[in-house]
């Protein structure tokens, strides 16, 4: 198993590529299936799928003369871990800020 050559954030940064990925995520499909639904040529779809393959977001399986693309089960795992880290950092920062600015009043009610 080789290392990813394309950052998945970069791969999904292109709006058309996100649409291609969303189509593949909805149901395994071929280049022809995707091109039929999007305003993109089959060669362009193939190029987008190549980037998604290099980013390890999709996988391809032969089915007769076609190649069927589907999302990799672990494809979004790295992105999810990074988002979880950002979210945890944000909550920690919010907690620290709230604790620094909160001054409890002993026995007094706030107006």
C-alpha atoms as a PDB file:
ATOM      1  CA  UNK A   1       0.000   0.000   0.000  1.00  0.00           C
ATOM      2  CA  UNK A   2       1.607   3.267  -1.092  1.00  0.00           C
ATOM      3  CA  UNK A   3       1.317   6.621   0.594  1.00  0.00           C
ATOM      4  CA  UNK A   4      -1.199   9.154  -0.644  1.00  0.00           C
ATOM      5  CA  UNK A   5       0.234  11.530  -3.239  1.00  0.00           C
ATOM      6  CA  UNK A   6      -2.618  14.056  -3.081  1.00  0.00           C
ATOM      7  CA  UNK A   7      -3.865  15.750   0.068  1.00  0.00           C
ATOM      8  CA  UNK A   8      -7.560  14.880   0.511  1.00  0.00           C
ATOM      9  CA  UNK A   9      -8.315  18.504   1.475  1.00  0.00           C
ATOM     10  CA  UNK A  10      -6.881  19.592  -1.874  1.00  0.00           C
ATOM     11  CA  UNK A  11      -8.778  16.848  -3.695  1.00  0.00           C
ATOM     12  CA  UNK A  12     -12.095  17.990  -2.248  1.00  0.00           C
ATOM     13  CA  UNK A  13     -11.248  21.677  -2.638  1.00  0.00           C
ATOM     14  CA  UNK A  14     -12.493  21.703  -6.221  1.00  0.00           C
ATOM     15  CA  UNK A  15     -16.308  22.125  -6.464  1.00  0.00           C
ATOM     16  CA  UNK A  16     -16.661  19.805  -9.471  1.00  0.00           C
ATOM     17  CA  UNK A  17     -14.541  17.166  -7.772  1.00  0.00           C
ATOM     18  CA  UNK A  18     -16.763  17.395  -4.683  1.00  0.00           C
ATOM     19  CA  UNK A  19     -19.769  16.761  -6.926  1.00  0.00           C
ATOM     20  CA  UNK A  20     -18.022  13.763  -8.488  1.00  0.00           C
ATOM     21  CA  UNK A  21     -17.186  12.432  -5.014  1.00  0.00           C
ATOM     22  CA  UNK A  22     -20.764  13.015  -3.822  1.00  0.00           C
ATOM     23  CA  UNK A  23     -22.049  11.057  -6.822  1.00  0.00           C
ATOM     24  CA  UNK A  24     -19.695   8.155  -6.095  1.00  0.00           C
ATOM     25  CA  UNK A  25     -20.624   8.264  -2.403  1.00  0.00           C
ATOM     26  CA  UNK A  26     -24.321   8.025  -3.268  1.00  0.00           C
ATOM     27  CA  UNK A  27     -23.863   4.831  -5.270  1.00  0.00           C
ATOM     28  CA  UNK A  28     -20.962   2.996  -6.954  1.00  0.00           C
ATOM     29  CA  UNK A  29     -20.814   4.168 -10.564  1.00  0.00           C
ATOM     30  CA  UNK A  30     -18.758   4.435 -13.726  1.00  0.00           C
ATOM     31  CA  UNK A  31     -17.261   7.458 -15.446  1.00  0.00           C
ATOM     32  CA  UNK A  32     -20.130   7.325 -17.945  1.00  0.00           C
ATOM     33  CA  UNK A  33     -22.729   7.374 -15.141  1.00  0.00           C
ATOM     34  CA  UNK A  34     -21.095  10.433 -13.581  1.00  0.00           C
ATOM     35  CA  UNK A  35     -20.669  12.299 -16.887  1.00  0.00           C
ATOM     36  CA  UNK A  36     -24.327  11.659 -17.693  1.00  0.00           C
ATOM     37  CA  UNK A  37     -25.390  13.537 -14.542  1.00  0.00           C
ATOM     38  CA  UNK A  38     -22.842  16.360 -14.446  1.00  0.00           C
ATOM     39  CA  UNK A  39     -22.039  19.060 -16.995  1.00  0.00           C
ATOM     40  CA  UNK A  40     -18.547  17.592 -17.388  1.00  0.00           C
ATOM     41  CA  UNK A  41     -17.039  15.493 -20.182  1.00  0.00           C
ATOM     42  CA  UNK A  42     -16.011  11.888 -19.588  1.00  0.00           C
ATOM     43  CA  UNK A  43     -12.297  12.755 -19.904  1.00  0.00           C
ATOM     44  CA  UNK A  44     -12.728  15.498 -17.308  1.00  0.00           C
ATOM     45  CA  UNK A  45     -14.576  13.106 -14.977  1.00  0.00           C
ATOM     46  CA  UNK A  46     -11.717  10.629 -15.394  1.00  0.00           C
ATOM     47  CA  UNK A  47      -9.210  13.320 -14.419  1.00  0.00           C
ATOM     48  CA  UNK A  48     -11.224  14.217 -11.318  1.00  0.00           C
ATOM     49  CA  UNK A  49     -11.485  10.546 -10.370  1.00  0.00           C
ATOM     50  CA  UNK A  50      -7.713  10.175 -10.795  1.00  0.00           C
ATOM     51  CA  UNK A  51      -7.166  12.922  -8.199  1.00  0.00           C
ATOM     52  CA  UNK A  52      -9.707  11.295  -5.855  1.00  0.00           C
ATOM     53  CA  UNK A  53      -7.930   7.947  -6.312  1.00  0.00           C
ATOM     54  CA  UNK A  54      -4.545   9.539  -5.591  1.00  0.00           C
ATOM     55  CA  UNK A  55      -6.009  11.112  -2.450  1.00  0.00           C
ATOM     56  CA  UNK A  56      -7.282   7.642  -1.452  1.00  0.00           C
ATOM     57  CA  UNK A  57     -10.871   8.884  -1.220  1.00  0.00           C
ATOM     58  CA  UNK A  58     -12.260   6.428  -3.790  1.00  0.00           C
ATOM     59  CA  UNK A  59     -11.378   2.984  -5.067  1.00  0.00           C
ATOM     60  CA  UNK A  60     -12.044   1.367  -8.422  1.00  0.00           C
ATOM     61  CA  UNK A  61     -13.115  -2.153  -9.349  1.00  0.00           C
ATOM     62  CA  UNK A  62     -13.471  -3.647 -12.825  1.00  0.00           C
ATOM     63  CA  UNK A  63     -16.965  -4.765 -13.776  1.00  0.00           C
ATOM     64  CA  UNK A  64     -16.926  -6.258 -17.245  1.00  0.00           C
ATOM     65  CA  UNK A  65     -15.574  -3.553 -19.550  1.00  0.00           C
ATOM     66  CA  UNK A  66     -16.352  -0.760 -17.081  1.00  0.00           C
ATOM     67  CA  UNK A  67     -14.509   0.495 -14.049  1.00  0.00           C
ATOM     68  CA  UNK A  68     -16.816   1.127 -11.109  1.00  0.00           C
ATOM     69  CA  UNK A  69     -15.832   3.720  -8.515  1.00  0.00           C
ATOM     70  CA  UNK A  70     -16.920   3.702  -4.886  1.00  0.00           C
ATOM     71  CA  UNK A  71     -15.774   5.588  -1.791  1.00  0.00           C
ATOM     72  CA  UNK A  72     -12.989   4.003   0.220  1.00  0.00           C
ATOM     73  CA  UNK A  73     -14.295   2.935   3.634  1.00  0.00           C
ATOM     74  CA  UNK A  74     -11.404   4.743   5.340  1.00  0.00           C
ATOM     75  CA  UNK A  75     -11.157   7.555   2.796  1.00  0.00           C
ATOM     76  CA  UNK A  76     -12.580  10.331   4.929  1.00  0.00           C
ATOM     77  CA  UNK A  77     -11.056   9.063   8.173  1.00  0.00           C
ATOM     78  CA  UNK A  78      -8.077  11.440   8.100  1.00  0.00           C
ATOM     79  CA  UNK A  79     -10.311  14.435   7.364  1.00  0.00           C
ATOM     80  CA  UNK A  80     -12.671  13.481  10.192  1.00  0.00           C
ATOM     81  CA  UNK A  81      -9.747  13.167  12.642  1.00  0.00           C
ATOM     82  CA  UNK A  82      -8.469  16.603  11.646  1.00  0.00           C
ATOM     83  CA  UNK A  83     -11.916  18.173  12.010  1.00  0.00           C
ATOM     84  CA  UNK A  84     -12.306  16.509  15.424  1.00  0.00           C
ATOM     85  CA  UNK A  85      -8.948  17.995  16.458  1.00  0.00           C
ATOM     86  CA  UNK A  86     -10.001  21.481  15.303  1.00  0.00           C
ATOM     87  CA  UNK A  87     -13.313  21.138  17.133  1.00  0.00           C
ATOM     88  CA  UNK A  88     -11.622  19.946  20.343  1.00  0.00           C
ATOM     89  CA  UNK A  89      -9.162  22.838  20.181  1.00  0.00           C
ATOM     90  CA  UNK A  90     -12.000  25.306  19.654  1.00  0.00           C
ATOM     91  CA  UNK A  91     -13.943  23.973  22.642  1.00  0.00           C
ATOM     92  CA  UNK A  92     -10.824  24.042  24.833  1.00  0.00           C
ATOM     93  CA  UNK A  93     -10.130  27.646  23.812  1.00  0.00           C
ATOM     94  CA  UNK A  94     -13.745  28.616  24.532  1.00  0.00           C
ATOM     95  CA  UNK A  95     -13.625  26.915  27.953  1.00  0.00           C
ATOM     96  CA  UNK A  96     -10.351  28.685  28.846  1.00  0.00           C
ATOM     97  CA  UNK A  97     -11.730  32.047  27.748  1.00  0.00           C
ATOM     98  CA  UNK A  98     -14.972  31.518  29.664  1.00  0.00           C
ATOM     99  CA  UNK A  99     -13.088  30.546  32.830  1.00  0.00           C
ATOM    100  CA  UNK A 100     -10.789  33.582  32.583  1.00  0.00           C
ATOM    101  CA  UNK A 101     -13.632  36.065  32.138  1.00  0.00           C
ATOM    102  CA  UNK A 102     -16.083  34.536  34.644  1.00  0.00           C
ATOM    103  CA  UNK A 103     -15.939  36.111  38.076  1.00  0.00           C
ATOM    104  CA  UNK A 104     -18.408  34.541  40.455  1.00  0.00           C
ATOM    105  CA  UNK A 105     -20.038  36.880  42.930  1.00  0.00           C
ATOM    106  CA  UNK A 106     -20.209  35.297  46.348  1.00  0.00           C
ATOM    107  CA  UNK A 107     -23.715  35.581  47.661  1.00  0.00           C
ATOM    108  CA  UNK A 108     -24.649  38.507  45.398  1.00  0.00           C
ATOM    109  CA  UNK A 109     -27.107  38.424  42.565  1.00  0.00           C
ATOM    110  CA  UNK A 110     -26.168  39.882  39.218  1.00  0.00           C
ATOM    111  CA  UNK A 111     -28.440  42.782  38.086  1.00  0.00           C
END
